[in-house]
């Protein structure tokens, strides 16, 4: 198994829709990026793994021209229905070359969506981000930290496929990132700023995740 595919995520977002429980963390993921995006003079943003479009819509409301992709047609359908008037949504697989020109965006953003892949695929995704961001542009992201692995394992037992890359009983795959690994992936970027963040559950307030918040500049 390389990573959970489109069918997995279509089922995931269908169940969310049917239960009325949209996967939305409010401004938790986007708010920390608003000032850096402004300071960098960003106008166009590509979001990778947009889900049902909440973060893309938040950036669009701030005045950015946003293109957002997700592997799940179900998620994109929901995003278009709710936010299609303010952002462009496309079904696309971030693990494959994307249909956008070199240096086609001022910034690429991805929030807790790029940590689903084995090492080889992860490296290809990071390389594709580098292709898509213009010179002096920005890559803003949140990714699972290595410290999240034992916390997540308490709720979701998993089997390791590669070092720090696991498959859970549901079929969802997860990769956990050390600081050294992230800096290796971003070695070609001019500036890299990484901050460890502990995330409370958006409903209960209990400790839920450990992530890296990153901003890299070309």
C-alpha atoms as a PDB file:
ATOM      1  CA  UNK A   1       0.000   0.000   0.000  1.00  0.00           C
ATOM      2  CA  UNK A   2       1.465   3.376  -1.010  1.00  0.00           C
ATOM      3  CA  UNK A   3      -1.220   5.587   0.551  1.00  0.00           C
ATOM      4  CA  UNK A   4      -4.970   5.737   1.007  1.00  0.00           C
ATOM      5  CA  UNK A   5      -6.558   6.497  -2.366  1.00  0.00           C
ATOM      6  CA  UNK A   6      -9.532   8.347  -3.807  1.00  0.00           C
ATOM      7  CA  UNK A   7     -12.084   5.712  -2.783  1.00  0.00           C
ATOM      8  CA  UNK A   8     -10.949   5.910   0.839  1.00  0.00           C
ATOM      9  CA  UNK A   9     -11.276   9.696   0.910  1.00  0.00           C
ATOM     10  CA  UNK A  10     -14.590   9.700  -0.952  1.00  0.00           C
ATOM     11  CA  UNK A  11     -15.995   7.407   1.741  1.00  0.00           C
ATOM     12  CA  UNK A  12     -14.449   9.557   4.453  1.00  0.00           C
ATOM     13  CA  UNK A  13     -16.014  12.786   3.199  1.00  0.00           C
ATOM     14  CA  UNK A  14     -19.323  11.099   2.394  1.00  0.00           C
ATOM     15  CA  UNK A  15     -19.590   9.896   5.988  1.00  0.00           C
ATOM     16  CA  UNK A  16     -18.758  13.381   7.220  1.00  0.00           C
ATOM     17  CA  UNK A  17     -21.441  14.909   5.008  1.00  0.00           C
ATOM     18  CA  UNK A  18     -24.056  12.393   6.100  1.00  0.00           C
ATOM     19  CA  UNK A  19     -23.279  12.994   9.778  1.00  0.00           C
ATOM     20  CA  UNK A  20     -23.259  16.765   9.381  1.00  0.00           C
ATOM     21  CA  UNK A  21     -19.731  16.904  10.824  1.00  0.00           C
ATOM     22  CA  UNK A  22     -17.629  18.908   8.390  1.00  0.00           C
ATOM     23  CA  UNK A  23     -13.871  18.615   8.921  1.00  0.00           C
ATOM     24  CA  UNK A  24     -13.165  22.271   9.678  1.00  0.00           C
ATOM     25  CA  UNK A  25     -10.705  23.604  12.248  1.00  0.00           C
ATOM     26  CA  UNK A  26     -11.798  27.210  11.956  1.00  0.00           C
ATOM     27  CA  UNK A  27      -8.891  29.583  11.364  1.00  0.00           C
ATOM     28  CA  UNK A  28      -6.394  27.392  13.220  1.00  0.00           C
ATOM     29  CA  UNK A  29      -4.411  26.518  10.103  1.00  0.00           C
ATOM     30  CA  UNK A  30      -4.767  29.690   8.033  1.00  0.00           C
ATOM     31  CA  UNK A  31      -4.535  32.490  10.599  1.00  0.00           C
ATOM     32  CA  UNK A  32      -0.778  32.031  11.301  1.00  0.00           C
ATOM     33  CA  UNK A  33      -0.038  32.472   7.598  1.00  0.00           C
ATOM     34  CA  UNK A  34      -2.011  35.668   6.943  1.00  0.00           C
ATOM     35  CA  UNK A  35       0.690  38.144   7.959  1.00  0.00           C
ATOM     36  CA  UNK A  36       3.546  36.291   6.200  1.00  0.00           C
ATOM     37  CA  UNK A  37       1.474  36.017   3.015  1.00  0.00           C
ATOM     38  CA  UNK A  38       0.764  39.752   3.070  1.00  0.00           C
ATOM     39  CA  UNK A  39       4.373  40.641   3.785  1.00  0.00           C
ATOM     40  CA  UNK A  40       5.531  38.473   0.875  1.00  0.00           C
ATOM     41  CA  UNK A  41       3.185  40.235  -1.547  1.00  0.00           C
ATOM     42  CA  UNK A  42       1.337  37.020  -2.358  1.00  0.00           C
ATOM     43  CA  UNK A  43      -1.667  37.257  -4.680  1.00  0.00           C
ATOM     44  CA  UNK A  44      -2.140  33.717  -6.010  1.00  0.00           C
ATOM     45  CA  UNK A  45      -2.283  30.619  -3.788  1.00  0.00           C
ATOM     46  CA  UNK A  46      -2.518  26.912  -4.598  1.00  0.00           C
ATOM     47  CA  UNK A  47      -3.852  24.748  -1.779  1.00  0.00           C
ATOM     48  CA  UNK A  48      -2.956  21.054  -1.796  1.00  0.00           C
ATOM     49  CA  UNK A  49      -5.411  18.697  -0.099  1.00  0.00           C
ATOM     50  CA  UNK A  50      -8.176  21.244   0.383  1.00  0.00           C
ATOM     51  CA  UNK A  51     -10.880  18.858   1.618  1.00  0.00           C
ATOM     52  CA  UNK A  52     -14.259  20.590   1.615  1.00  0.00           C
ATOM     53  CA  UNK A  53     -12.750  23.988   0.926  1.00  0.00           C
ATOM     54  CA  UNK A  54     -12.967  25.858   4.211  1.00  0.00           C
ATOM     55  CA  UNK A  55      -9.367  27.105   4.293  1.00  0.00           C
ATOM     56  CA  UNK A  56      -9.412  27.994   0.603  1.00  0.00           C
ATOM     57  CA  UNK A  57     -12.517  30.085   1.227  1.00  0.00           C
ATOM     58  CA  UNK A  58     -10.854  31.833   4.168  1.00  0.00           C
ATOM     59  CA  UNK A  59      -7.929  32.879   1.993  1.00  0.00           C
ATOM     60  CA  UNK A  60     -10.269  33.982  -0.782  1.00  0.00           C
ATOM     61  CA  UNK A  61     -12.135  36.152   1.730  1.00  0.00           C
ATOM     62  CA  UNK A  62      -8.783  37.802   2.518  1.00  0.00           C
ATOM     63  CA  UNK A  63      -8.473  38.799  -1.122  1.00  0.00           C
ATOM     64  CA  UNK A  64      -6.281  36.028  -2.539  1.00  0.00           C
ATOM     65  CA  UNK A  65      -6.892  34.275  -5.837  1.00  0.00           C
ATOM     66  CA  UNK A  66      -7.103  30.657  -4.690  1.00  0.00           C
ATOM     67  CA  UNK A  67      -6.913  27.413  -6.634  1.00  0.00           C
ATOM     68  CA  UNK A  68      -7.504  24.350  -4.464  1.00  0.00           C
ATOM     69  CA  UNK A  69      -7.145  20.658  -5.246  1.00  0.00           C
ATOM     70  CA  UNK A  70      -8.072  17.405  -3.566  1.00  0.00           C
ATOM     71  CA  UNK A  71      -7.935  13.751  -4.559  1.00  0.00           C
ATOM     72  CA  UNK A  72     -11.547  13.222  -3.465  1.00  0.00           C
ATOM     73  CA  UNK A  73     -14.290  14.073  -5.927  1.00  0.00           C
ATOM     74  CA  UNK A  74     -16.734  13.978  -3.021  1.00  0.00           C
ATOM     75  CA  UNK A  75     -14.773  16.638  -1.138  1.00  0.00           C
ATOM     76  CA  UNK A  76     -14.409  18.824  -4.220  1.00  0.00           C
ATOM     77  CA  UNK A  77     -18.122  18.531  -4.939  1.00  0.00           C
ATOM     78  CA  UNK A  78     -18.893  19.800  -1.460  1.00  0.00           C
ATOM     79  CA  UNK A  79     -16.322  22.580  -1.785  1.00  0.00           C
ATOM     80  CA  UNK A  80     -17.739  23.775  -5.100  1.00  0.00           C
ATOM     81  CA  UNK A  81     -21.286  23.743  -3.756  1.00  0.00           C
ATOM     82  CA  UNK A  82     -20.356  25.935  -0.809  1.00  0.00           C
ATOM     83  CA  UNK A  83     -17.461  28.068  -2.007  1.00  0.00           C
ATOM     84  CA  UNK A  84     -17.321  27.765  -5.791  1.00  0.00           C
ATOM     85  CA  UNK A  85     -18.121  31.444  -6.201  1.00  0.00           C
ATOM     86  CA  UNK A  86     -14.949  32.565  -4.402  1.00  0.00           C
ATOM     87  CA  UNK A  87     -12.289  29.939  -5.228  1.00  0.00           C
ATOM     88  CA  UNK A  88     -11.413  27.486  -7.988  1.00  0.00           C
ATOM     89  CA  UNK A  89     -11.652  23.816  -6.977  1.00  0.00           C
ATOM     90  CA  UNK A  90     -10.243  20.861  -8.928  1.00  0.00           C
ATOM     91  CA  UNK A  91      -9.992  17.107  -8.472  1.00  0.00           C
ATOM     92  CA  UNK A  92      -6.285  16.331  -8.766  1.00  0.00           C
ATOM     93  CA  UNK A  93      -3.694  14.012  -7.226  1.00  0.00           C
ATOM     94  CA  UNK A  94      -0.832  15.905  -5.589  1.00  0.00           C
ATOM     95  CA  UNK A  95       1.384  12.813  -5.895  1.00  0.00           C
ATOM     96  CA  UNK A  96       1.416  13.227  -9.682  1.00  0.00           C
ATOM     97  CA  UNK A  97       2.625  16.134 -11.831  1.00  0.00           C
ATOM     98  CA  UNK A  98      -0.009  18.847 -11.553  1.00  0.00           C
ATOM     99  CA  UNK A  99      -1.504  20.679 -14.559  1.00  0.00           C
ATOM    100  CA  UNK A 100      -0.012  24.058 -13.693  1.00  0.00           C
ATOM    101  CA  UNK A 101       2.962  25.917 -15.198  1.00  0.00           C
ATOM    102  CA  UNK A 102       6.369  26.278 -13.590  1.00  0.00           C
ATOM    103  CA  UNK A 103       6.421  29.137 -11.059  1.00  0.00           C
ATOM    104  CA  UNK A 104       2.666  29.458 -11.573  1.00  0.00           C
ATOM    105  CA  UNK A 105       1.793  30.540  -8.022  1.00  0.00           C
ATOM    106  CA  UNK A 106       3.025  33.066  -5.500  1.00  0.00           C
ATOM    107  CA  UNK A 107       2.440  30.548  -2.722  1.00  0.00           C
ATOM    108  CA  UNK A 108       1.501  26.933  -2.091  1.00  0.00           C
ATOM    109  CA  UNK A 109      -0.340  26.041   1.111  1.00  0.00           C
ATOM    110  CA  UNK A 110      -1.131  22.623   2.560  1.00  0.00           C
ATOM    111  CA  UNK A 111      -2.674  21.942   5.946  1.00  0.00           C
ATOM    112  CA  UNK A 112      -2.359  18.426   7.429  1.00  0.00           C
ATOM    113  CA  UNK A 113      -2.683  16.847   3.973  1.00  0.00           C
ATOM    114  CA  UNK A 114       0.876  16.122   2.771  1.00  0.00           C
ATOM    115  CA  UNK A 115       1.771  13.572   5.448  1.00  0.00           C
ATOM    116  CA  UNK A 116      -0.025  10.609   3.860  1.00  0.00           C
ATOM    117  CA  UNK A 117       2.773   9.239   1.678  1.00  0.00           C
ATOM    118  CA  UNK A 118       5.888   7.056   1.815  1.00  0.00           C
ATOM    119  CA  UNK A 119       9.311   8.647   1.543  1.00  0.00           C
ATOM    120  CA  UNK A 120       9.731   8.415  -2.232  1.00  0.00           C
ATOM    121  CA  UNK A 121       6.324   9.941  -2.929  1.00  0.00           C
ATOM    122  CA  UNK A 122       6.847  12.608  -0.265  1.00  0.00           C
ATOM    123  CA  UNK A 123      10.060  13.707  -1.938  1.00  0.00           C
ATOM    124  CA  UNK A 124       8.288  13.942  -5.302  1.00  0.00           C
ATOM    125  CA  UNK A 125       5.480  16.052  -3.789  1.00  0.00           C
ATOM    126  CA  UNK A 126       7.965  18.465  -2.214  1.00  0.00           C
ATOM    127  CA  UNK A 127       9.823  18.723  -5.515  1.00  0.00           C
ATOM    128  CA  UNK A 128       6.546  19.524  -7.286  1.00  0.00           C
ATOM    129  CA  UNK A 129       5.842  22.296  -4.789  1.00  0.00           C
ATOM    130  CA  UNK A 130       9.253  23.733  -5.576  1.00  0.00           C
ATOM    131  CA  UNK A 131       8.407  23.701  -9.277  1.00  0.00           C
ATOM    132  CA  UNK A 132       5.109  25.506  -8.763  1.00  0.00           C
ATOM    133  CA  UNK A 133       6.244  28.357  -6.511  1.00  0.00           C
ATOM    134  CA  UNK A 134       7.641  31.456  -8.182  1.00  0.00           C
ATOM    135  CA  UNK A 135      11.063  32.849  -7.196  1.00  0.00           C
ATOM    136  CA  UNK A 136      10.753  34.627  -3.828  1.00  0.00           C
ATOM    137  CA  UNK A 137       7.447  32.829  -3.330  1.00  0.00           C
ATOM    138  CA  UNK A 138       6.287  30.901  -0.291  1.00  0.00           C
ATOM    139  CA  UNK A 139       5.376  27.399   0.847  1.00  0.00           C
ATOM    140  CA  UNK A 140       3.187  27.376   3.980  1.00  0.00           C
ATOM    141  CA  UNK A 141       2.229  24.082   5.604  1.00  0.00           C
ATOM    142  CA  UNK A 142       1.244  22.023   8.632  1.00  0.00           C
ATOM    143  CA  UNK A 143       2.504  18.428   8.850  1.00  0.00           C
ATOM    144  CA  UNK A 144       2.473  15.641  11.432  1.00  0.00           C
ATOM    145  CA  UNK A 145       5.433  15.899  13.785  1.00  0.00           C
ATOM    146  CA  UNK A 146       7.314  12.776  14.867  1.00  0.00           C
ATOM    147  CA  UNK A 147       6.019  13.456  18.392  1.00  0.00           C
ATOM    148  CA  UNK A 148       2.481  12.904  17.133  1.00  0.00           C
ATOM    149  CA  UNK A 149       3.067   9.221  16.447  1.00  0.00           C
ATOM    150  CA  UNK A 150       2.643   7.864  20.022  1.00  0.00           C
ATOM    151  CA  UNK A 151      -0.242  10.247  20.653  1.00  0.00           C
ATOM    152  CA  UNK A 152      -2.096   9.076  17.562  1.00  0.00           C
ATOM    153  CA  UNK A 153      -1.293   5.409  18.249  1.00  0.00           C
ATOM    154  CA  UNK A 154      -3.256   5.592  21.510  1.00  0.00           C
ATOM    155  CA  UNK A 155      -6.427   6.132  19.477  1.00  0.00           C
ATOM    156  CA  UNK A 156      -5.573   4.408  16.222  1.00  0.00           C
ATOM    157  CA  UNK A 157      -3.337   1.304  16.277  1.00  0.00           C
ATOM    158  CA  UNK A 158      -1.128   1.083  13.217  1.00  0.00           C
ATOM    159  CA  UNK A 159       1.375  -1.098  11.395  1.00  0.00           C
ATOM    160  CA  UNK A 160       4.654   0.387  10.189  1.00  0.00           C
ATOM    161  CA  UNK A 161       5.315   0.201   6.447  1.00  0.00           C
ATOM    162  CA  UNK A 162       8.484   2.318   6.364  1.00  0.00           C
ATOM    163  CA  UNK A 163      10.346   4.200   9.086  1.00  0.00           C
ATOM    164  CA  UNK A 164       7.760   6.552  10.645  1.00  0.00           C
ATOM    165  CA  UNK A 165       5.216   5.717   7.928  1.00  0.00           C
ATOM    166  CA  UNK A 166       2.265   3.601   9.045  1.00  0.00           C
ATOM    167  CA  UNK A 167      -1.082   2.227   7.929  1.00  0.00           C
ATOM    168  CA  UNK A 168      -3.960   2.315  10.401  1.00  0.00           C
ATOM    169  CA  UNK A 169      -6.794  -0.189  10.702  1.00  0.00           C
ATOM    170  CA  UNK A 170      -9.083   2.081   8.648  1.00  0.00           C
ATOM    171  CA  UNK A 171      -6.620   2.000   5.745  1.00  0.00           C
ATOM    172  CA  UNK A 172      -5.473   5.561   6.308  1.00  0.00           C
ATOM    173  CA  UNK A 173      -1.735   6.036   5.950  1.00  0.00           C
ATOM    174  CA  UNK A 174       0.309   8.472   8.018  1.00  0.00           C
ATOM    175  CA  UNK A 175       3.876   9.792   7.832  1.00  0.00           C
ATOM    176  CA  UNK A 176       5.495  11.486  10.834  1.00  0.00           C
ATOM    177  CA  UNK A 177       8.193  14.117  10.246  1.00  0.00           C
ATOM    178  CA  UNK A 178      11.277  14.910  12.284  1.00  0.00           C
ATOM    179  CA  UNK A 179      12.823  18.367  12.014  1.00  0.00           C
ATOM    180  CA  UNK A 180      15.894  16.892  10.323  1.00  0.00           C
ATOM    181  CA  UNK A 181      13.782  15.108   7.708  1.00  0.00           C
ATOM    182  CA  UNK A 182      11.792  18.265   6.954  1.00  0.00           C
ATOM    183  CA  UNK A 183      14.933  20.344   6.570  1.00  0.00           C
ATOM    184  CA  UNK A 184      16.329  17.734   4.199  1.00  0.00           C
ATOM    185  CA  UNK A 185      13.153  17.900   2.087  1.00  0.00           C
ATOM    186  CA  UNK A 186      13.396  21.706   1.996  1.00  0.00           C
ATOM    187  CA  UNK A 187      17.156  21.910   1.424  1.00  0.00           C
ATOM    188  CA  UNK A 188      16.736  23.841  -1.839  1.00  0.00           C
ATOM    189  CA  UNK A 189      14.698  26.657  -0.300  1.00  0.00           C
ATOM    190  CA  UNK A 190      16.258  30.010   0.595  1.00  0.00           C
ATOM    191  CA  UNK A 191      14.666  30.304   4.057  1.00  0.00           C
ATOM    192  CA  UNK A 192      12.970  27.673   6.205  1.00  0.00           C
ATOM    193  CA  UNK A 193      11.142  28.495   9.437  1.00  0.00           C
ATOM    194  CA  UNK A 194       9.725  25.572  11.452  1.00  0.00           C
ATOM    195  CA  UNK A 195       7.689  25.774  14.653  1.00  0.00           C
ATOM    196  CA  UNK A 196       6.416  22.776  16.670  1.00  0.00           C
ATOM    197  CA  UNK A 197       2.738  23.210  17.542  1.00  0.00           C
ATOM    198  CA  UNK A 198       0.558  21.227  19.948  1.00  0.00           C
ATOM    199  CA  UNK A 199      -3.031  21.191  18.723  1.00  0.00           C
ATOM    200  CA  UNK A 200      -6.090  20.769  20.957  1.00  0.00           C
ATOM    201  CA  UNK A 201      -9.132  18.914  19.663  1.00  0.00           C
ATOM    202  CA  UNK A 202     -11.441  21.440  18.013  1.00  0.00           C
ATOM    203  CA  UNK A 203     -14.411  20.201  20.066  1.00  0.00           C
ATOM    204  CA  UNK A 204     -13.097  18.792  23.365  1.00  0.00           C
ATOM    205  CA  UNK A 205     -10.028  20.977  23.874  1.00  0.00           C
ATOM    206  CA  UNK A 206      -7.911  17.939  24.803  1.00  0.00           C
ATOM    207  CA  UNK A 207      -4.443  17.497  23.298  1.00  0.00           C
ATOM    208  CA  UNK A 208      -5.030  15.982  19.871  1.00  0.00           C
ATOM    209  CA  UNK A 209      -2.017  16.447  17.587  1.00  0.00           C
ATOM    210  CA  UNK A 210       1.593  17.552  17.359  1.00  0.00           C
ATOM    211  CA  UNK A 211       2.422  19.241  14.064  1.00  0.00           C
ATOM    212  CA  UNK A 212       5.106  21.257  12.389  1.00  0.00           C
ATOM    213  CA  UNK A 213       4.084  24.692  11.191  1.00  0.00           C
ATOM    214  CA  UNK A 214       6.390  25.657   8.368  1.00  0.00           C
ATOM    215  CA  UNK A 215       7.059  28.597   6.119  1.00  0.00           C
ATOM    216  CA  UNK A 216       9.673  28.187   3.392  1.00  0.00           C
ATOM    217  CA  UNK A 217      10.719  30.860   0.890  1.00  0.00           C
ATOM    218  CA  UNK A 218      12.252  30.365  -2.520  1.00  0.00           C
END
